[in-house]
């Protein structure tokens, strides 16, 4: 296909970007986080079942184990990243007002970061016994 018959703009050809610029990366990142969560869900369920009926001292004892804390931290990172990508796709597809779309994407990013940081802080605090 010659450059004359291409539907891409000259700037798009120079940057080698398609119409959505990052859709393929987001697609694969969402699949990657889905696979990570699928692999981590069984250990996370086992850990949650171990925590049922325990007080804070008992939970701290279980979460004080380095492998358990790492599993939970990996699950938190994968799930919040997956949530961010998924909501961003929905916002980009269904919000048509550009200002509202920008505000929504920004709010989504801040919310996902806040959830991740709060969850990570809680796991680190419980696992350190402080």
Protein backbone atom coordinates (compact mmCIF):
# COMPACT_ATOMS: atom_id res chain seq x y z
CA UNK A 1 0.00 0.00 0.00
CA UNK A 2 1.48 3.34 -0.97
CA UNK A 3 1.44 6.42 1.22
CA UNK A 4 -1.08 8.07 -1.13
CA UNK A 5 -3.74 5.42 -0.54
CA UNK A 6 -3.23 5.35 3.25
CA UNK A 7 -6.02 6.66 5.46
CA UNK A 8 -3.50 7.87 8.03
CA UNK A 9 -2.58 11.50 8.42
CA UNK A 10 0.98 12.58 7.66
CA UNK A 11 1.60 13.15 11.39
CA UNK A 12 0.18 9.70 12.14
CA UNK A 13 2.53 8.12 9.61
CA UNK A 14 5.52 9.95 11.12
CA UNK A 15 4.61 8.92 14.66
CA UNK A 16 3.53 5.45 13.48
CA UNK A 17 0.34 5.70 15.51
CA UNK A 18 -3.10 4.41 14.69
CA UNK A 19 -6.33 6.22 15.38
CA UNK A 20 -6.43 5.42 19.10
CA UNK A 21 -2.69 5.76 19.70
CA UNK A 22 -2.45 3.25 22.56
CA UNK A 23 -5.33 0.84 22.17
CA UNK A 24 -3.19 -2.22 21.55
CA UNK A 25 -1.01 -1.55 24.60
CA UNK A 26 -4.07 -1.11 26.80
CA UNK A 27 -5.63 -4.26 25.33
CA UNK A 28 -2.56 -6.37 26.19
CA UNK A 29 -2.07 -4.74 29.59
CA UNK A 30 -5.66 -5.53 30.50
CA UNK A 31 -5.18 -9.14 29.39
CA UNK A 32 -1.93 -9.35 31.36
CA UNK A 33 -3.56 -8.06 34.54
CA UNK A 34 -6.49 -10.43 34.03
CA UNK A 35 -4.10 -13.40 33.80
CA UNK A 36 -2.22 -12.19 36.89
CA UNK A 37 -5.46 -11.90 38.86
CA UNK A 38 -6.58 -15.32 37.65
CA UNK A 39 -3.34 -16.87 38.89
CA UNK A 40 -3.47 -14.99 42.20
CA UNK A 41 -7.16 -15.45 43.04
CA UNK A 42 -6.83 -18.94 44.58
CA UNK A 43 -4.04 -17.92 47.01
CA UNK A 44 -5.94 -14.71 47.85
CA UNK A 45 -9.12 -16.68 48.63
CA UNK A 46 -7.11 -19.07 50.82
CA UNK A 47 -5.59 -16.09 52.67
CA UNK A 48 -9.02 -14.49 53.14
CA UNK A 49 -10.38 -17.75 54.53
CA UNK A 50 -7.44 -17.90 56.95
CA UNK A 51 -8.38 -14.40 58.16
CA UNK A 52 -12.05 -15.18 58.82
CA UNK A 53 -12.87 -14.89 62.51
CA UNK A 54 -9.49 -13.47 63.52
CA UNK A 55 -8.96 -10.28 65.46
CA UNK A 56 -6.34 -7.69 64.47
CA UNK A 57 -3.56 -9.52 66.29
CA UNK A 58 -4.40 -12.77 64.50
CA UNK A 59 -4.67 -11.03 61.14
CA UNK A 60 -1.37 -9.28 61.76
CA UNK A 61 0.25 -12.61 62.54
CA UNK A 62 -0.98 -14.15 59.29
CA UNK A 63 -0.19 -11.07 57.20
CA UNK A 64 3.23 -10.78 58.84
CA UNK A 65 4.36 -13.61 56.62
CA UNK A 66 6.37 -12.20 53.72
CA UNK A 67 4.94 -14.56 51.04
CA UNK A 68 1.36 -13.71 52.07
CA UNK A 69 2.02 -9.97 52.03
CA UNK A 70 3.65 -10.26 48.61
CA UNK A 71 0.72 -12.23 47.18
CA UNK A 72 -1.75 -9.63 48.45
CA UNK A 73 0.35 -6.72 47.20
CA UNK A 74 0.64 -8.30 43.73
CA UNK A 75 -3.11 -8.86 43.67
CA UNK A 76 -3.79 -5.25 44.68
CA UNK A 77 -1.51 -3.86 42.00
CA UNK A 78 -2.93 -6.13 39.28
CA UNK A 79 -6.57 -5.50 40.21
CA UNK A 80 -6.31 -1.72 40.53
CA UNK A 81 -4.38 -1.48 37.27
CA UNK A 82 -7.01 -3.69 35.59
CA UNK A 83 -9.78 -1.51 37.07
CA UNK A 84 -8.10 1.67 35.79
CA UNK A 85 -7.74 0.36 32.24
CA UNK A 86 -11.28 -1.04 32.14
CA UNK A 87 -12.93 2.14 33.37
CA UNK A 88 -10.81 4.27 31.04
CA UNK A 89 -12.00 2.24 28.06
CA UNK A 90 -15.63 2.69 29.14
CA UNK A 91 -15.12 6.44 29.64
CA UNK A 92 -13.40 6.87 26.28
CA UNK A 93 -16.10 4.89 24.48
CA UNK A 94 -19.22 6.39 26.08
CA UNK A 95 -18.39 9.93 27.24
CA UNK A 96 -18.54 12.20 24.22
CA UNK A 97 -18.03 15.64 25.78
CA UNK A 98 -14.26 16.20 25.65
CA UNK A 99 -14.05 18.21 28.88
CA UNK A 100 -16.16 15.70 30.78
CA UNK A 101 -14.12 12.86 29.27
CA UNK A 102 -10.86 14.46 30.42
CA UNK A 103 -12.24 15.10 33.92
CA UNK A 104 -13.58 11.54 34.11
CA UNK A 105 -10.27 9.97 33.03
CA UNK A 106 -8.42 12.12 35.57
CA UNK A 107 -10.88 11.19 38.33
CA UNK A 108 -10.53 7.51 37.37
CA UNK A 109 -6.74 7.73 37.59
CA UNK A 110 -6.82 9.46 40.98
CA UNK A 111 -9.42 7.03 42.35
CA UNK A 112 -7.46 3.95 41.25
CA UNK A 113 -4.23 5.34 42.68
CA UNK A 114 -5.98 6.19 45.97
CA UNK A 115 -7.46 2.68 46.23
CA UNK A 116 -4.10 1.08 45.46
CA UNK A 117 -2.17 3.25 47.93
CA UNK A 118 -4.70 2.78 50.72
CA UNK A 119 -4.72 -0.98 50.19
CA UNK A 120 -0.94 -1.21 50.00
CA UNK A 121 -0.61 0.92 53.14
CA UNK A 122 -3.06 -1.33 55.00
CA UNK A 123 -1.20 -4.52 54.02
CA UNK A 124 2.19 -3.04 54.89
CA UNK A 125 0.91 -1.71 58.20
CA UNK A 126 -0.66 -5.04 59.16
CA UNK A 127 2.28 -7.07 57.95
CA UNK A 128 4.80 -4.95 59.85
CA UNK A 129 2.84 -5.33 63.10
CA UNK A 130 2.75 -1.58 63.73
